[in-house]
Every structure is written in C-alpha cells, then in structure tokens.
C-alpha atoms as a PDB file:
ATOM      1  CA  MET A   1      79.043  91.125 113.911  1.00  0.00           C
ATOM      2  CA  ARG A   2      81.096  93.578 111.896  1.00  0.00           C
ATOM      3  CA  VAL A   3      83.969  93.131 109.460  1.00  0.00           C
ATOM      4  CA  VAL A   4      86.970  95.398 108.914  1.00  0.00           C
ATOM      5  CA  ILE A   5      88.500  94.811 105.479  1.00  0.00           C
ATOM      6  CA  PHE A   6      92.084  95.809 104.762  1.00  0.00           C
ATOM      7  CA  ASP A   7      94.008  96.556 101.641  1.00  0.00           C
ATOM      8  CA  VAL A   8      97.629  95.381 101.985  1.00  0.00           C
ATOM      9  CA  ASP A   9     100.244  97.326  99.991  1.00  0.00           C
ATOM     10  CA  GLY A  10     100.379 100.921 101.197  1.00  0.00           C
ATOM     11  CA  THR A  11      97.913 100.214 104.008  1.00  0.00           C
ATOM     12  CA  LEU A  12      99.332  97.428 106.178  1.00  0.00           C
ATOM     13  CA  VAL A  13     102.820  97.160 104.655  1.00  0.00           C
ATOM     14  CA  ASP A  14     105.245  99.520 102.914  1.00  0.00           C
ATOM     15  CA  SER A  15     106.215  97.562  99.827  1.00  0.00           C
ATOM     16  CA  GLN A  16     106.891 100.402  97.405  1.00  0.00           C
ATOM     17  CA  ASP A  17     110.671  99.897  97.223  1.00  0.00           C
ATOM     18  CA  ASP A  18     110.350  96.298  96.067  1.00  0.00           C
ATOM     19  CA  ILE A  19     107.407  97.060  93.790  1.00  0.00           C
ATOM     20  CA  CYS A  20     109.368  99.805  92.023  1.00  0.00           C
ATOM     21  CA  ALA A  21     112.537  97.682  91.887  1.00  0.00           C
ATOM     22  CA  ALA A  22     110.629  94.728  90.432  1.00  0.00           C
ATOM     23  CA  MET A  23     109.000  96.958  87.808  1.00  0.00           C
ATOM     24  CA  ASN A  24     112.382  98.399  86.839  1.00  0.00           C
ATOM     25  CA  ALA A  25     113.878  94.917  86.484  1.00  0.00           C
ATOM     26  CA  THR A  26     110.883  93.664  84.521  1.00  0.00           C
ATOM     27  CA  PHE A  27     110.814  96.464  81.976  1.00  0.00           C
ATOM     28  CA  GLY A  28     114.599  96.450  81.666  1.00  0.00           C
ATOM     29  CA  SER A  29     114.698  92.717  80.968  1.00  0.00           C
ATOM     30  CA  ALA A  30     112.069  93.185  78.257  1.00  0.00           C
ATOM     31  CA  GLY A  31     114.103  95.979  76.655  1.00  0.00           C
ATOM     32  CA  HIS A  32     111.796  98.825  77.613  1.00  0.00           C
ATOM     33  CA  PRO A  33     112.492 101.957  79.678  1.00  0.00           C
ATOM     34  CA  PRO A  34     111.152 101.585  83.225  1.00  0.00           C
ATOM     35  CA  PRO A  35     108.115 103.600  84.287  1.00  0.00           C
ATOM     36  CA  ALA A  36     108.531 106.501  86.683  1.00  0.00           C
ATOM     37  CA  ALA A  37     108.221 105.669  90.374  1.00  0.00           C
ATOM     38  CA  SER A  38     105.221 107.993  90.645  1.00  0.00           C
ATOM     39  CA  ALA A  39     103.480 106.060  87.871  1.00  0.00           C
ATOM     40  CA  VAL A  40     104.188 102.766  89.637  1.00  0.00           C
ATOM     41  CA  ARG A  41     102.803 104.052  92.941  1.00  0.00           C
ATOM     42  CA  ALA A  42      99.680 105.183  91.111  1.00  0.00           C
ATOM     43  CA  ILE A  43      98.841 101.622  90.004  1.00  0.00           C
ATOM     44  CA  VAL A  44      99.510  99.858  93.323  1.00  0.00           C
ATOM     45  CA  GLY A  45      96.417  97.877  94.261  1.00  0.00           C
ATOM     46  CA  LEU A  46      95.363  96.983  90.739  1.00  0.00           C
ATOM     47  CA  SER A  47      95.707  93.489  89.334  1.00  0.00           C
ATOM     48  CA  LEU A  48      98.937  93.018  87.387  1.00  0.00           C
ATOM     49  CA  PRO A  49      97.280  92.805  83.947  1.00  0.00           C
ATOM     50  CA  GLU A  50      95.392  96.044  84.620  1.00  0.00           C
ATOM     51  CA  ALA A  51      98.537  97.671  86.050  1.00  0.00           C
ATOM     52  CA  MET A  52     100.504  96.838  82.907  1.00  0.00           C
ATOM     53  CA  ARG A  53      97.713  98.180  80.705  1.00  0.00           C
ATOM     54  CA  ARG A  54      97.981 101.501  82.501  1.00  0.00           C
ATOM     55  CA  LEU A  55     101.773 101.611  82.732  1.00  0.00           C
ATOM     56  CA  ALA A  56     102.439 100.496  79.157  1.00  0.00           C
ATOM     57  CA  PRO A  57      99.352 101.032  76.984  1.00  0.00           C
ATOM     58  CA  ASP A  58     101.480 100.923  73.815  1.00  0.00           C
ATOM     59  CA  LEU A  59     103.043  97.550  74.678  1.00  0.00           C
ATOM     60  CA  GLU A  60      99.917  95.397  74.661  1.00  0.00           C
ATOM     61  CA  ALA A  61     101.653  92.483  72.945  1.00  0.00           C
ATOM     62  CA  ASP A  62     104.253  92.421  75.723  1.00  0.00           C
ATOM     63  CA  HIS A  63     101.811  92.544  78.643  1.00  0.00           C
ATOM     64  CA  PRO A  64     101.831  88.772  79.364  1.00  0.00           C
ATOM     65  CA  GLU A  65     105.642  88.780  79.390  1.00  0.00           C
ATOM     66  CA  LEU A  66     105.711  91.831  81.658  1.00  0.00           C
ATOM     67  CA  VAL A  67     103.213  90.297  84.091  1.00  0.00           C
ATOM     68  CA  ALA A  68     105.182  87.048  84.317  1.00  0.00           C
ATOM     69  CA  GLY A  69     108.473  88.907  84.606  1.00  0.00           C
ATOM     70  CA  TYR A  70     107.177  91.085  87.420  1.00  0.00           C
ATOM     71  CA  LYS A  71     105.983  88.087  89.425  1.00  0.00           C
ATOM     72  CA  THR A  72     109.409  86.467  89.092  1.00  0.00           C
ATOM     73  CA  ALA A  73     111.304  89.645  89.953  1.00  0.00           C
ATOM     74  CA  TYR A  74     109.121  90.472  92.946  1.00  0.00           C
ATOM     75  CA  MET A  75     109.270  86.997  94.450  1.00  0.00           C
ATOM     76  CA  ARG A  76     113.048  86.953  93.958  1.00  0.00           C
ATOM     77  CA  LEU A  77     113.383  90.216  95.885  1.00  0.00           C
ATOM     78  CA  ARG A  78     111.079  88.868  98.601  1.00  0.00           C
ATOM     79  CA  ALA A  79     113.169  85.693  98.898  1.00  0.00           C
ATOM     80  CA  GLU A  80     116.407  87.662  99.095  1.00  0.00           C
ATOM     81  CA  ARG A  81     115.252  90.148 101.704  1.00  0.00           C
ATOM     82  CA  GLY A  82     112.464  88.398 103.607  1.00  0.00           C
ATOM     83  CA  ALA A  83     108.977  89.805 104.161  1.00  0.00           C
ATOM     84  CA  ALA A  84     109.839  91.852 107.244  1.00  0.00           C
ATOM     85  CA  GLN A  85     112.533  93.793 105.404  1.00  0.00           C
ATOM     86  CA  SER A  86     111.019  93.666 101.928  1.00  0.00           C
ATOM     87  CA  SER A  87     107.547  94.829 102.989  1.00  0.00           C
ATOM     88  CA  PRO A  88     107.685  96.062 106.595  1.00  0.00           C
ATOM     89  CA  LEU A  89     104.485  96.634 108.508  1.00  0.00           C
ATOM     90  CA  PHE A  90     103.616 100.275 108.996  1.00  0.00           C
ATOM     91  CA  PRO A  91     104.016 101.463 112.611  1.00  0.00           C
ATOM     92  CA  GLY A  92     101.101 100.359 114.759  1.00  0.00           C
ATOM     93  CA  ALA A  93      99.659  97.946 112.198  1.00  0.00           C
ATOM     94  CA  ARG A  94     100.296  94.770 114.180  1.00  0.00           C
ATOM     95  CA  GLU A  95      98.934  96.242 117.392  1.00  0.00           C
ATOM     96  CA  ALA A  96      95.796  97.531 115.669  1.00  0.00           C
ATOM     97  CA  LEU A  97      95.146  94.155 114.055  1.00  0.00           C
ATOM     98  CA  GLN A  98      95.640  92.321 117.332  1.00  0.00           C
ATOM     99  CA  TRP A  99      93.352  94.732 119.169  1.00  0.00           C
ATOM    100  CA  LEU A 100      90.554  94.422 116.631  1.00  0.00           C
ATOM    101  CA  ASN A 101      90.980  90.653 116.447  1.00  0.00           C
ATOM    102  CA  GLY A 102      90.511  90.468 120.199  1.00  0.00           C
ATOM    103  CA  GLU A 103      87.032  91.973 119.950  1.00  0.00           C
ATOM    104  CA  ALA A 104      84.401  89.246 119.881  1.00  0.00           C
ATOM    105  CA  GLU A 105      82.136  91.132 117.477  1.00  0.00           C
ATOM    106  CA  THR A 106      84.858  92.067 114.967  1.00  0.00           C
ATOM    107  CA  LEU A 107      86.046  90.002 112.016  1.00  0.00           C
ATOM    108  CA  LEU A 108      89.101  90.883 109.923  1.00  0.00           C
ATOM    109  CA  ALA A 109      89.396  90.436 106.166  1.00  0.00           C
ATOM    110  CA  ILE A 110      91.714  91.310 103.277  1.00  0.00           C
ATOM    111  CA  ALA A 111      90.997  92.578  99.769  1.00  0.00           C
ATOM    112  CA  THR A 112      94.247  92.922  97.833  1.00  0.00           C
ATOM    113  CA  GLY A 113      95.637  93.094  94.341  1.00  0.00           C
ATOM    114  CA  LYS A 114      98.298  90.603  95.416  1.00  0.00           C
ATOM    115  CA  SER A 115      98.321  87.020  94.214  1.00  0.00           C
ATOM    116  CA  ARG A 116      97.460  84.145  96.544  1.00  0.00           C
ATOM    117  CA  ARG A 117     101.103  83.146  96.649  1.00  0.00           C
ATOM    118  CA  GLY A 118     102.272  86.676  97.356  1.00  0.00           C
ATOM    119  CA  LEU A 119      99.775  87.221 100.159  1.00  0.00           C
ATOM    120  CA  ASP A 120     100.562  83.875 101.782  1.00  0.00           C
ATOM    121  CA  LYS A 121     104.287  84.655 101.801  1.00  0.00           C
ATOM    122  CA  LEU A 122     103.653  88.082 103.286  1.00  0.00           C
ATOM    123  CA  LEU A 123     101.333  86.888 106.056  1.00  0.00           C
ATOM    124  CA  GLU A 124     103.659  84.029 106.957  1.00  0.00           C
ATOM    125  CA  GLY A 125     106.659  86.346 107.019  1.00  0.00           C
ATOM    126  CA  HIS A 126     104.923  88.710 109.430  1.00  0.00           C
ATOM    127  CA  GLU A 127     103.338  85.893 111.486  1.00  0.00           C
ATOM    128  CA  LEU A 128      99.841  87.085 110.617  1.00  0.00           C
ATOM    129  CA  ALA A 129      98.589  83.885 108.978  1.00  0.00           C
ATOM    130  CA  GLY A 130      95.185  82.838 110.308  1.00  0.00           C
ATOM    131  CA  LEU A 131      94.258  86.308 111.538  1.00  0.00           C
ATOM    132  CA  PHE A 132      91.877  87.083 108.672  1.00  0.00           C
ATOM    133  CA  VAL A 133      88.664  85.121 108.205  1.00  0.00           C
ATOM    134  CA  SER A 134      88.366  86.101 104.540  1.00  0.00           C
ATOM    135  CA  GLU A 135      91.281  86.751 102.175  1.00  0.00           C
ATOM    136  CA  GLN A 136      90.401  87.961  98.686  1.00  0.00           C
ATOM    137  CA  VAL A 137      93.226  88.096  96.116  1.00  0.00           C
ATOM    138  CA  ALA A 138      93.692  89.052  92.481  1.00  0.00           C
ATOM    139  CA  ASP A 139      93.781  85.438  91.268  1.00  0.00           C
ATOM    140  CA  HIS A 140      90.032  84.998  91.667  1.00  0.00           C
ATOM    141  CA  HIS A 141      88.519  88.437  91.010  1.00  0.00           C
ATOM    142  CA  PRO A 142      88.391  91.295  88.530  1.00  0.00           C
ATOM    143  CA  SER A 143      90.790  94.111  89.348  1.00  0.00           C
ATOM    144  CA  LYS A 144      89.831  96.825  91.785  1.00  0.00           C
ATOM    145  CA  PRO A 145      87.713  98.939  91.718  1.00  0.00           C
ATOM    146  CA  HIS A 146      85.267  96.164  90.766  1.00  0.00           C
ATOM    147  CA  PRO A 147      83.418  95.237  94.001  1.00  0.00           C
ATOM    148  CA  SER A 148      83.795  91.459  93.534  1.00  0.00           C
ATOM    149  CA  MET A 149      86.336  91.068  96.346  1.00  0.00           C
ATOM    150  CA  LEU A 150      84.150  92.865  98.865  1.00  0.00           C
ATOM    151  CA  GLU A 151      81.038  91.013  97.778  1.00  0.00           C
ATOM    152  CA  ALA A 152      82.941  87.780  98.431  1.00  0.00           C
ATOM    153  CA  VAL A 153      83.962  88.971 101.903  1.00  0.00           C
ATOM    154  CA  LEU A 154      80.334  89.713 102.779  1.00  0.00           C
ATOM    155  CA  ALA A 155      79.199  86.354 101.418  1.00  0.00           C
ATOM    156  CA  GLU A 156      81.865  84.430 103.324  1.00  0.00           C
ATOM    157  CA  THR A 157      81.330  86.220 106.634  1.00  0.00           C
ATOM    158  CA  GLY A 158      77.572  86.692 106.503  1.00  0.00           C
ATOM    159  CA  VAL A 159      78.019  90.337 107.479  1.00  0.00           C
ATOM    160  CA  THR A 160      75.874  92.975 105.776  1.00  0.00           C
ATOM    161  CA  ALA A 161      77.418  95.902 103.906  1.00  0.00           C
ATOM    162  CA  SER A 162      76.145  98.297 106.569  1.00  0.00           C
ATOM    163  CA  ARG A 163      78.347  96.517 109.143  1.00  0.00           C
ATOM    164  CA  ALA A 164      81.498  96.512 107.027  1.00  0.00           C
ATOM    165  CA  VAL A 165      84.265  99.051 106.489  1.00  0.00           C
ATOM    166  CA  MET A 166      87.114  99.137 103.979  1.00  0.00           C
ATOM    167  CA  VAL A 167      90.516 100.459 105.062  1.00  0.00           C
ATOM    168  CA  GLY A 168      92.799 101.460 102.201  1.00  0.00           C
ATOM    169  CA  ASP A 169      95.220 103.957 100.743  1.00  0.00           C
ATOM    170  CA  THR A 170      94.158 104.260  97.103  1.00  0.00           C
ATOM    171  CA  VAL A 171      91.329 105.650  95.041  1.00  0.00           C
ATOM    172  CA  PHE A 172      90.751 102.087  93.808  1.00  0.00           C
ATOM    173  CA  ASP A 173      90.027 100.902  97.370  1.00  0.00           C
ATOM    174  CA  MET A 174      87.522 103.690  97.955  1.00  0.00           C
ATOM    175  CA  GLU A 175      85.757 103.217  94.610  1.00  0.00           C
ATOM    176  CA  MET A 176      85.549  99.463  95.195  1.00  0.00           C
ATOM    177  CA  ALA A 177      83.975  99.986  98.610  1.00  0.00           C
ATOM    178  CA  ARG A 178      81.469 102.542  97.373  1.00  0.00           C
ATOM    179  CA  ALA A 179      80.423 100.160  94.605  1.00  0.00           C
ATOM    180  CA  ALA A 180      79.729  97.537  97.283  1.00  0.00           C
ATOM    181  CA  GLY A 181      77.885  99.955  99.575  1.00  0.00           C
ATOM    182  CA  ILE A 182      80.613  99.764 102.224  1.00  0.00           C
ATOM    183  CA  ALA A 183      81.957 102.615 104.377  1.00  0.00           C
ATOM    184  CA  THR A 184      85.538 103.755 103.815  1.00  0.00           C
ATOM    185  CA  ILE A 185      88.530 104.734 105.909  1.00  0.00           C
ATOM    186  CA  GLY A 186      91.454 106.219 104.020  1.00  0.00           C
ATOM    187  CA  VAL A 187      94.970 106.139 105.445  1.00  0.00           C
ATOM    188  CA  THR A 188      97.248 109.117 104.866  1.00  0.00           C
ATOM    189  CA  TRP A 189     100.539 107.165 104.832  1.00  0.00           C
ATOM    190  CA  GLY A 190      99.913 105.230 101.612  1.00  0.00           C
ATOM    191  CA  TYR A 191     100.593 105.656  97.902  1.00  0.00           C
ATOM    192  CA  HIS A 192      97.765 107.949  96.777  1.00  0.00           C
ATOM    193  CA  ALA A 193      97.406 111.521  98.009  1.00  0.00           C
ATOM    194  CA  PRO A 194      94.868 111.637 100.868  1.00  0.00           C
ATOM    195  CA  GLU A 195      92.926 114.479  99.279  1.00  0.00           C
ATOM    196  CA  THR A 196      92.183 112.302  96.240  1.00  0.00           C
ATOM    197  CA  LEU A 197      90.594 109.461  98.214  1.00  0.00           C
ATOM    198  CA  ASP A 198      87.187 110.955  99.032  1.00  0.00           C
ATOM    199  CA  ALA A 199      86.991 108.569 101.995  1.00  0.00           C
ATOM    200  CA  ASP A 200      84.282 108.722 104.652  1.00  0.00           C
ATOM    201  CA  MET A 201      87.050 109.236 107.201  1.00  0.00           C
ATOM    202  CA  LEU A 202      90.818 109.738 107.045  1.00  0.00           C
ATOM    203  CA  ILE A 203      93.268 108.531 109.686  1.00  0.00           C
ATOM    204  CA  SER A 204      96.922 109.495 110.033  1.00  0.00           C
ATOM    205  CA  ASP A 205      97.988 106.623 112.308  1.00  0.00           C
ATOM    206  CA  PHE A 206      96.753 103.197 113.329  1.00  0.00           C
ATOM    207  CA  GLY A 207      95.856 104.446 116.797  1.00  0.00           C
ATOM    208  CA  ALA A 208      92.918 106.257 115.215  1.00  0.00           C
ATOM    209  CA  LEU A 209      91.598 103.166 113.436  1.00  0.00           C
ATOM    210  CA  GLU A 210      89.326 101.635 116.054  1.00  0.00           C
ATOM    211  CA  PRO A 211      87.593 104.930 116.955  1.00  0.00           C
ATOM    212  CA  ALA A 212      87.017 105.534 113.240  1.00  0.00           C
ATOM    213  CA  VAL A 213      85.566 102.047 112.783  1.00  0.00           C
ATOM    214  CA  ASN A 214      83.303 102.519 115.800  1.00  0.00           C
ATOM    215  CA  GLN A 215      82.073 105.870 114.538  1.00  0.00           C
ATOM    216  CA  LEU A 216      81.329 104.681 111.018  1.00  0.00           C
ATOM    217  CA  LEU A 217      79.634 101.459 112.086  1.00  0.00           C
ATOM    218  CA  LYS A 218      77.802 103.054 115.015  1.00  0.00           C
ATOM    219  CA  ASN A 219      79.121 100.376 117.366  1.00  0.00           C
ATOM    220  CA  GLU A 220      77.053 100.497 120.531  1.00  0.00           C
ATOM    221  CA  THR A 221      79.912  98.954 122.522  1.00  0.00           C
ATOM    222  CA  ALA A 222      82.352 101.740 121.593  1.00  0.00           C
ATOM    223  CA  ALA A 223      83.909 103.455 124.582  1.00  0.00           C
END
C-alpha cells in the first residue's frame, strides 16, 4: 500500500480570496489595520494561533480575539457563498483524486491547518466526503511544520514513511514532510513561490501528479 497526503488550501482548493477577506474583517473589527495580502498568503497552512503570532507579533493580548473573529468571519463567508464558489477546486483536482482513489494500492489522506468543522464543510460542499481514509486537522495537532499530522496518517493507515508522499504548496508542508521522513511534491499554483519549496518534485498541473507519485514511490505497477 501507499498513501498520498494532501494539503488543502492552495493545493486542492483556491481559498485565498476568502482567507484574505476574513483576515481583513477580523483585524478591522478589532480596530487594527489589516495585514497585507502577501503576508496573509505567507501564513496559509499554519494553525490560526501560529498564523496570528506571525501576522501580529505585537498584538499578543489580542490573539485569542483575532483567532475567534477569523473563524466567525470565514465561516460566514463560506455560508454566504458556498464551498464551490468560496473555495473552488483547482483545475484537475477532482479528476486526480478520483483516479488515485480508484487504484487498489493507493490511499488518500489530508493534513491541513483547517479546523475539523472547516474541513468537513469544504469536503461536503465539493462532494468529497469519505474519499480520504485519514483526515488530520489543526484541532488535534501542533501547527505545521511539526510532523504530528503525518505521523498520525502513518499510524492510522499502517503505511511506512517510505511509501508515503506529501503534496503541498507551502514551505510548511515540505518541512513537515521532511521531518516525518516523507517524500514531497510541490505544486506551482499555490501560495508560496515554487522556488522556495525545495520539494523532491514540482508539478505544474494535476495531470502530472500520478507520474510524480509513481516515480517518487518507485511503484512497480506504474505504466
């Protein structure tokens, strides 16, 4: 068996508009100037407490309020727009997931900075619920790049690190995978510059995903 582990925001779905809008609303409601969009994109993938520490290091006393405010603002935007519009799948994502899921020797998993509630809403909105055998969220783990999420995936699936690959768009995804001894595939369409990822392989579209997985995991059944 092998397991392909996906980040969500910036890898499977394009959620940057709502993330930036929710951050703007959150900081504005708390009476603080909003962070630059580039700064927000740079923290995508981290847990919310860690994201706020990086975005607003001088506002430590306000971090709990900012975290709670962001959750409320983001879920409100999601409810208003729906998952498909709020966080659309990147082109080819659904087809790639379905193809990999159809392979008997391949398991799919998620390691995301999203909350359990946020991930559930997203998967339901895109009709992807039940596709992933392991779903690791920020509620139960230290923030990326700590390898806890990936260690949990391996424990739940029984797959060894040598038969696992992490697919993500941020430096945090790559560092997390390296800490767990897992191969990495970086996507070029996400929120961190591809040249910063230091991934084992880079792909520029989902059509290149399966060949990259086969190459990294030395799959004997690869065409």
